[in-house]
Amino acid sequence: MRCAIVGIGRMGRWLANVLKEEWDIAVYDTEQQKTEGITGVKVLQSVEEIEVFRPNILINAVTLGNTIRVFEEVVPFLPEECILADITSIKGELQNYYQKSGHRYVSSHPMFGPTNANMKRPDGESAIIIKESSEEGKKIFREIYSKIKLNLYEFTFSEHDSMMAYSLTLPFSSSMVFAGCVDRKAVPGTNFRKHMELAKGILSEDDSLLSEILFNPESIKQLERITSKLEFLKHIIMEKDYEEAGKFYDRLRDNIFQ
């Protein structure tokens, strides 16, 4: 299998190192220094060189805001049979692009990242494959993810983005609110340190990724849930209502431990 990976950020580099064990891999990034240090792969100097490489599959690992633009730049140099692939956290307009591209495609989302996951042993983490993807593409990514022992799920494009508003926007925005309230003069306890570590991990992500997640059209619903719960908690505290507080804690435990 010949695979070209465009966009050698942290996930693109990780994919290149995982796949090179069994595949013929070529990597390309407009910032050539990002391809340095990757051994056992072919480093392309321009998108035109992809035409000579003739990949069976092209994995677009750039940021979501650039994904469609990069596809448009690269596709003219691909053979007709080449499968297009992305690993974006939010799918947005990709479905419309794929439908018009004339290529088979597979869209997936490894639900972990270099900041908080063990990239050398990500077994036990999860990955999503989009249902509308071609059967050939889905088979390829099922094999990739199964070999590294990920838990696999399938969702439609719309189901995926709705789910991401819950599983990404909810913790990301909560951590951002925490970070916004941090007082460096305070003496941190154990719980505070744990929250701080999580917030540092999230805020170590690229700004474009954070924005893509927050600007998901479904995100506002999750933010409204957060503000609603905060207002209710504020009401309990102001009233010093121990009975209502107990009921509230029970509901939280039901959510967490179910």
Protein backbone atom coordinates (compact mmCIF):
# COMPACT_ATOMS: atom_id res chain seq x y z
CA MET A 1 0.00 0.00 0.00
CA ARG A 2 1.38 3.40 -0.99
CA CYS A 3 0.20 6.20 1.29
CA ALA A 4 0.92 9.91 1.10
CA ILE A 5 0.43 11.95 4.27
CA VAL A 6 0.05 15.71 3.88
CA GLY A 7 0.46 17.80 7.02
CA ILE A 8 3.16 16.55 9.37
CA GLY A 9 2.02 17.97 12.65
CA ARG A 10 1.84 15.78 15.73
CA MET A 11 -0.89 13.47 14.39
CA GLY A 12 0.53 13.34 10.87
CA ARG A 13 3.94 12.38 12.24
CA TRP A 14 2.37 9.76 14.50
CA LEU A 15 0.49 8.22 11.57
CA ALA A 16 3.63 8.14 9.43
CA ASN A 17 5.53 6.28 12.15
CA VAL A 18 2.68 3.80 12.69
CA LEU A 19 2.07 3.04 9.02
CA LYS A 20 5.65 2.89 7.76
CA GLU A 21 6.10 -0.53 9.38
CA GLU A 22 3.93 -2.14 6.69
CA TRP A 23 3.28 0.52 4.04
CA ASP A 24 5.30 2.59 1.59
CA ILE A 25 4.90 6.09 3.06
CA ALA A 26 5.57 9.53 1.57
CA VAL A 27 5.18 12.69 3.65
CA TYR A 28 4.78 16.32 2.68
CA ASP A 29 4.44 19.57 4.56
CA THR A 30 4.85 23.14 3.39
CA GLU A 31 7.05 23.65 6.46
CA GLN A 32 9.86 21.32 5.49
CA GLN A 33 11.38 21.27 8.99
CA LYS A 34 8.35 19.30 10.21
CA THR A 35 9.39 16.32 8.11
CA GLU A 36 12.85 16.19 9.66
CA GLY A 37 13.67 13.23 11.85
CA ILE A 38 11.12 10.84 10.33
CA THR A 39 13.05 7.80 9.11
CA GLY A 40 11.87 5.06 6.78
CA VAL A 41 9.63 7.32 4.69
CA LYS A 42 9.98 9.29 1.46
CA VAL A 43 10.03 13.04 2.06
CA LEU A 44 8.39 14.99 -0.76
CA GLN A 45 9.61 18.48 -1.59
CA SER A 46 6.48 19.62 -3.45
CA VAL A 47 2.87 18.55 -4.07
CA GLU A 48 3.85 17.80 -7.68
CA GLU A 49 6.00 14.91 -6.45
CA ILE A 50 2.83 13.19 -5.22
CA GLU A 51 1.97 12.52 -8.88
CA VAL A 52 5.17 10.50 -9.28
CA PHE A 53 4.59 8.63 -6.01
CA ARG A 54 1.05 7.59 -7.14
CA PRO A 55 -0.44 6.82 -3.71
CA ASN A 56 -3.28 4.36 -3.20
CA ILE A 57 -4.53 6.54 -0.35
CA LEU A 58 -3.86 10.15 0.64
CA ILE A 59 -4.29 11.11 4.30
CA ASN A 60 -4.90 14.82 4.82
CA ALA A 61 -3.67 15.60 8.34
CA VAL A 62 -3.68 19.42 8.21
CA THR A 63 -5.97 21.53 10.40
CA LEU A 64 -9.68 21.54 9.61
CA GLY A 65 -9.64 25.12 8.37
CA ASN A 66 -7.12 24.09 5.69
CA THR A 67 -8.35 20.57 4.91
CA ILE A 68 -10.54 21.30 1.89
CA ARG A 69 -8.06 23.81 0.47
CA VAL A 70 -5.24 21.26 0.70
CA PHE A 71 -7.39 18.58 -0.92
CA GLU A 72 -8.08 20.97 -3.79
CA GLU A 73 -4.36 21.63 -4.21
CA VAL A 74 -3.33 17.97 -4.07
CA VAL A 75 -6.14 16.11 -5.87
CA PRO A 76 -5.02 17.17 -9.39
CA PHE A 77 -1.82 15.18 -8.80
CA LEU A 78 -3.55 12.00 -7.62
CA PRO A 79 -4.52 8.95 -9.67
CA GLU A 80 -8.29 8.51 -10.07
CA GLU A 81 -8.31 5.37 -7.94
CA CYS A 82 -6.63 7.09 -4.95
CA ILE A 83 -8.75 7.13 -1.80
CA LEU A 84 -8.99 10.46 0.04
CA ALA A 85 -8.84 10.40 3.84
CA ASP A 86 -9.00 12.87 6.71
CA ILE A 87 -8.67 12.62 10.50
CA THR A 88 -10.29 15.92 11.48
CA SER A 89 -11.97 16.44 14.85
CA ILE A 90 -14.93 18.27 13.27
CA LYS A 91 -16.21 17.28 9.83
CA GLY A 92 -18.04 20.47 8.87
CA GLU A 93 -18.27 20.84 5.07
CA LEU A 94 -16.14 17.78 4.29
CA GLN A 95 -19.14 15.65 3.37
CA ASN A 96 -20.14 18.07 0.63
CA TYR A 97 -16.57 18.23 -0.64
CA TYR A 98 -16.18 14.46 -0.78
CA GLN A 99 -19.45 14.00 -2.64
CA LYS A 100 -18.23 16.35 -5.37
CA SER A 101 -14.61 15.16 -5.46
CA GLY A 102 -15.10 12.14 -7.71
CA HIS A 103 -12.83 10.07 -5.44
CA ARG A 104 -13.61 7.33 -2.97
CA TYR A 105 -13.01 8.58 0.55
CA VAL A 106 -12.80 7.63 4.20
CA SER A 107 -13.27 10.08 7.04
CA SER A 108 -12.21 9.08 10.54
CA HIS A 109 -11.35 10.62 13.87
CA PRO A 110 -8.81 9.13 16.29
CA MET A 111 -10.28 10.26 19.61
CA PHE A 112 -6.98 10.99 21.30
CA GLY A 113 -4.07 13.33 20.81
CA PRO A 114 -0.39 13.77 21.56
CA THR A 115 -1.01 16.07 24.51
CA ASN A 116 -2.90 13.77 26.89
CA ALA A 117 -2.59 10.31 25.35
CA ASN A 118 0.23 7.78 25.34
CA MET A 119 0.99 7.85 21.62
CA LYS A 120 3.35 4.89 21.82
CA ARG A 121 0.64 2.70 23.33
CA PRO A 122 -2.79 4.21 22.59
CA ASP A 123 -4.54 0.85 23.03
CA GLY A 124 -7.85 1.30 24.82
CA GLU A 125 -8.41 4.73 23.25
CA SER A 126 -11.23 5.22 20.74
CA ALA A 127 -11.59 6.07 17.08
CA ILE A 128 -14.60 6.93 14.93
CA ILE A 129 -15.08 5.98 11.29
CA ILE A 130 -17.73 7.87 9.32
CA LYS A 131 -20.48 5.60 7.98
CA GLU A 132 -20.78 7.33 4.61
CA SER A 133 -17.14 6.49 3.78
CA SER A 134 -16.42 4.00 0.99
CA GLU A 135 -16.24 0.36 2.04
CA GLU A 136 -12.64 0.11 0.82
CA GLY A 137 -11.65 3.12 2.88
CA LYS A 138 -13.44 1.90 5.99
CA LYS A 139 -11.73 -1.47 5.69
CA ILE A 140 -8.30 0.18 5.55
CA PHE A 141 -8.88 2.27 8.66
CA ARG A 142 -10.52 -0.56 10.58
CA GLU A 143 -7.33 -2.55 10.04
CA ILE A 144 -5.12 0.38 11.06
CA TYR A 145 -7.05 1.09 14.25
CA SER A 146 -7.59 -2.57 15.14
CA LYS A 147 -3.87 -3.29 15.00
CA ILE A 148 -3.20 -0.65 17.63
CA LYS A 149 -6.15 -1.93 19.66
CA LEU A 150 -8.45 1.07 19.53
CA ASN A 151 -12.16 0.87 20.33
CA LEU A 152 -13.99 1.48 17.05
CA TYR A 153 -17.28 3.30 16.51
CA GLU A 154 -19.19 4.34 13.43
CA PHE A 155 -21.27 7.50 13.12
CA THR A 156 -22.66 9.51 10.24
CA PHE A 157 -21.14 12.90 9.50
CA SER A 158 -23.94 14.71 11.35
CA GLU A 159 -23.91 12.27 14.28
CA HIS A 160 -20.16 12.73 14.61
CA ASP A 161 -20.24 16.51 14.85
CA SER A 162 -23.14 16.41 17.27
CA MET A 163 -21.27 13.91 19.43
CA MET A 164 -18.09 16.00 19.30
CA ALA A 165 -19.95 19.00 20.68
CA TYR A 166 -20.64 16.84 23.71
CA SER A 167 -17.36 14.94 24.10
CA LEU A 168 -15.00 17.79 23.16
CA THR A 169 -16.75 21.14 23.62
CA LEU A 170 -18.05 20.21 27.07
CA PRO A 171 -14.66 19.35 28.67
CA PHE A 172 -12.71 21.91 26.63
CA SER A 173 -14.94 24.84 27.56
CA SER A 174 -15.13 23.72 31.20
CA SER A 175 -11.33 23.63 31.39
CA MET A 176 -11.12 27.04 29.75
CA VAL A 177 -13.48 28.50 32.33
CA PHE A 178 -11.31 26.96 35.06
CA ALA A 179 -8.16 28.40 33.46
CA GLY A 180 -9.81 31.80 33.25
CA CYS A 181 -10.39 31.77 37.02
CA VAL A 182 -6.94 30.58 38.10
CA ASP A 183 -5.21 32.72 40.70
CA ARG A 184 -1.48 31.94 40.70
CA LYS A 185 -1.18 33.22 44.26
CA ALA A 186 -3.50 30.52 45.56
CA VAL A 187 -2.11 27.46 47.34
CA PRO A 188 -3.06 24.48 45.15
CA GLY A 189 -4.46 21.27 46.60
CA THR A 190 -4.58 17.86 44.93
CA ASN A 191 -7.85 18.44 43.06
CA PHE A 192 -6.70 21.86 41.92
CA ARG A 193 -3.46 20.40 40.54
CA LYS A 194 -5.34 17.69 38.64
CA HIS A 195 -7.61 20.28 37.03
CA MET A 196 -4.58 22.43 36.26
CA GLU A 197 -2.83 19.54 34.50
CA LEU A 198 -5.91 18.88 32.37
CA ALA A 199 -6.27 22.56 31.50
CA LYS A 200 -2.58 22.79 30.57
CA GLY A 201 -2.96 19.78 28.29
CA ILE A 202 -5.97 21.25 26.50
CA LEU A 203 -4.38 24.68 26.13
CA SER A 204 -1.22 23.08 24.72
CA GLU A 205 -3.26 22.20 21.62
CA ASP A 206 -2.99 24.34 18.51
CA ASP A 207 -5.22 27.44 18.51
CA SER A 208 -6.82 26.38 15.25
CA LEU A 209 -7.86 23.03 16.74
CA LEU A 210 -9.35 24.69 19.82
CA SER A 211 -11.28 27.11 17.62
CA GLU A 212 -12.51 24.34 15.31
CA ILE A 213 -13.93 22.47 18.28
CA LEU A 214 -15.56 25.52 19.86
CA PHE A 215 -16.94 26.81 16.55
CA ASN A 216 -18.73 23.53 15.86
CA PRO A 217 -22.36 24.62 15.14
CA GLU A 218 -23.50 22.21 17.85
CA SER A 219 -21.22 23.71 20.52
CA ILE A 220 -23.54 26.46 21.66
CA LYS A 221 -26.02 23.87 22.95
CA GLN A 222 -23.35 22.46 25.25
CA LEU A 223 -22.33 25.92 26.44
CA GLU A 224 -25.95 26.64 27.28
CA ARG A 225 -26.07 23.43 29.33
CA ILE A 226 -22.97 24.53 31.24
CA THR A 227 -24.31 28.01 31.99
CA SER A 228 -27.66 26.53 33.01
CA LYS A 229 -26.02 24.16 35.50
CA LEU A 230 -23.84 26.96 36.85
CA GLU A 231 -26.87 29.17 37.41
CA PHE A 232 -28.65 26.35 39.24
CA LEU A 233 -25.58 25.67 41.38
CA LYS A 234 -25.32 29.39 42.13
CA HIS A 235 -28.97 29.36 43.26
CA ILE A 236 -28.34 26.41 45.62
CA ILE A 237 -25.31 28.12 47.14
CA MET A 238 -27.05 31.46 47.62
CA GLU A 239 -30.02 29.77 49.30
CA LYS A 240 -27.80 27.38 51.32
CA ASP A 241 -30.36 24.73 50.42
CA TYR A 242 -28.88 21.50 51.81
CA GLU A 243 -31.81 19.35 50.65
CA GLU A 244 -31.61 20.59 47.05
CA ALA A 245 -27.82 20.32 47.16
CA GLY A 246 -28.12 16.66 48.15
CA LYS A 247 -30.47 15.98 45.25
CA PHE A 248 -28.07 17.79 42.93
CA TYR A 249 -25.11 15.70 44.10
CA ASP A 250 -27.13 12.52 43.59
CA ARG A 251 -27.92 13.52 40.00
CA LEU A 252 -24.24 14.22 39.38
CA ARG A 253 -23.26 10.81 40.78
CA ASP A 254 -25.89 9.13 38.62
CA ASN A 255 -24.39 10.82 35.56
CA ILE A 256 -20.81 9.89 36.44
CA PHE A 257 -21.18 6.39 37.84
CA GLN A 258 -23.97 4.99 35.69
